[in-house]
Protein backbone atom coordinates (compact mmCIF):
# COMPACT_ATOMS: atom_id res chain seq x y z
CA MET A 1 -94.00 31.43 -34.12
CA ARG A 2 -91.06 30.06 -32.16
CA ILE A 3 -93.08 30.07 -28.96
CA ARG A 4 -96.02 28.27 -30.56
CA ALA A 5 -93.73 25.58 -31.99
CA SER A 6 -92.12 25.15 -28.56
CA PHE A 7 -95.51 24.69 -26.91
CA ASP A 8 -96.52 22.11 -29.54
CA ILE A 9 -93.36 20.12 -28.88
CA TRP A 10 -93.82 20.37 -25.12
CA SER A 11 -97.42 19.31 -25.46
CA ASP A 12 -96.38 16.09 -27.22
CA ASP A 13 -93.64 15.39 -24.67
CA ILE A 14 -95.94 16.09 -21.75
CA GLY A 15 -98.59 13.81 -23.27
CA ARG A 16 -96.08 10.96 -23.44
CA LEU A 17 -94.93 11.57 -19.88
CA ILE A 18 -98.51 11.53 -18.62
CA GLU A 19 -99.20 8.24 -20.42
CA ASP A 20 -96.09 6.71 -18.82
CA TYR A 21 -97.18 8.03 -15.43
CA GLN A 22 -100.69 6.60 -15.82
CA MET A 23 -99.34 3.19 -16.85
CA ALA A 24 -96.92 3.13 -13.90
CA HIS A 25 -99.66 4.26 -11.52
CA LEU A 26 -102.05 1.56 -12.74
CA GLU A 27 -99.35 -1.11 -12.42
CA LEU A 28 -98.56 0.05 -8.91
CA ALA A 29 -102.24 -0.09 -7.94
CA LYS A 30 -102.70 -3.69 -9.11
CA PRO A 31 -102.99 -6.20 -6.30
CA GLY A 32 -99.89 -8.36 -6.22
CA ALA A 33 -97.87 -6.07 -8.48
CA GLU A 34 -94.40 -7.56 -8.72
CA ASP A 35 -91.99 -4.64 -8.76
CA LYS A 36 -93.58 -1.77 -6.87
CA SER A 37 -90.26 -0.01 -6.30
CA ALA A 38 -89.64 0.22 -10.07
CA MET A 39 -93.10 1.69 -10.61
CA ALA A 40 -92.62 4.16 -7.77
CA THR A 41 -89.29 5.15 -9.33
CA LYS A 42 -91.03 5.80 -12.67
CA ILE A 43 -93.56 8.03 -10.95
CA LEU A 44 -90.78 10.01 -9.25
CA GLU A 45 -88.97 10.36 -12.60
CA PHE A 46 -92.18 11.69 -14.12
CA LEU A 47 -92.49 14.32 -11.41
CA ASP A 48 -88.86 15.37 -11.92
CA GLN A 49 -89.38 15.68 -15.68
CA MET A 50 -92.54 17.72 -15.19
CA HIS A 51 -90.61 20.09 -12.92
CA ASP A 52 -87.94 20.45 -15.63
CA PHE A 53 -90.67 21.28 -18.18
CA GLU A 54 -92.10 23.88 -15.85
CA VAL A 55 -88.71 25.59 -15.53
CA VAL A 56 -88.19 25.65 -19.31
CA ILE A 57 -91.71 26.87 -20.05
CA ARG A 58 -91.43 29.66 -17.48
CA SER A 59 -88.12 30.83 -18.95
CA GLU A 60 -89.57 30.79 -22.48
CA ILE A 61 -92.57 32.81 -21.36
CA ARG A 62 -90.42 35.39 -19.59
CA ALA A 63 -87.90 35.85 -22.43
CA PRO A 64 -90.38 37.25 -25.01
CA ALA A 65 -91.95 39.45 -22.34
CA LYS A 66 -88.60 41.18 -21.89
CA LEU A 67 -88.40 41.77 -25.62
CA LEU A 68 -91.91 43.21 -25.75
CA ALA A 69 -91.55 45.46 -22.69
CA PRO A 70 -88.59 47.78 -23.30
CA ASN A 71 -86.84 49.30 -20.32
CA GLU A 72 -87.07 53.00 -19.46
CA THR A 73 -83.94 53.92 -21.44
CA ASP A 74 -85.40 52.35 -24.58
CA LYS A 75 -88.67 54.24 -24.09
CA LYS A 76 -86.84 57.57 -23.77
CA ALA A 77 -84.85 56.82 -26.93
CA LEU A 78 -88.08 56.23 -28.84
CA PHE A 79 -89.48 59.62 -27.86
CA THR A 80 -86.28 61.62 -28.37
CA ALA A 81 -85.50 60.30 -31.83
């Protein structure tokens, strides 16, 4: 359940980030856009945040896998008990 809740939260956060990215991208694409450097900065921030999400999601996915796949010592203990 913890993993599902985490993915729901990330989904909402990622949705907001994508909306911000799309707005910044559209502003940047407008002819005569005033502050292109600010929009470009927002896009770079979005990419950094998406990378951070990727790192967190990968660590969350790997953690339960370790719990579900016991090491060799644990397997031997199961069969000798």
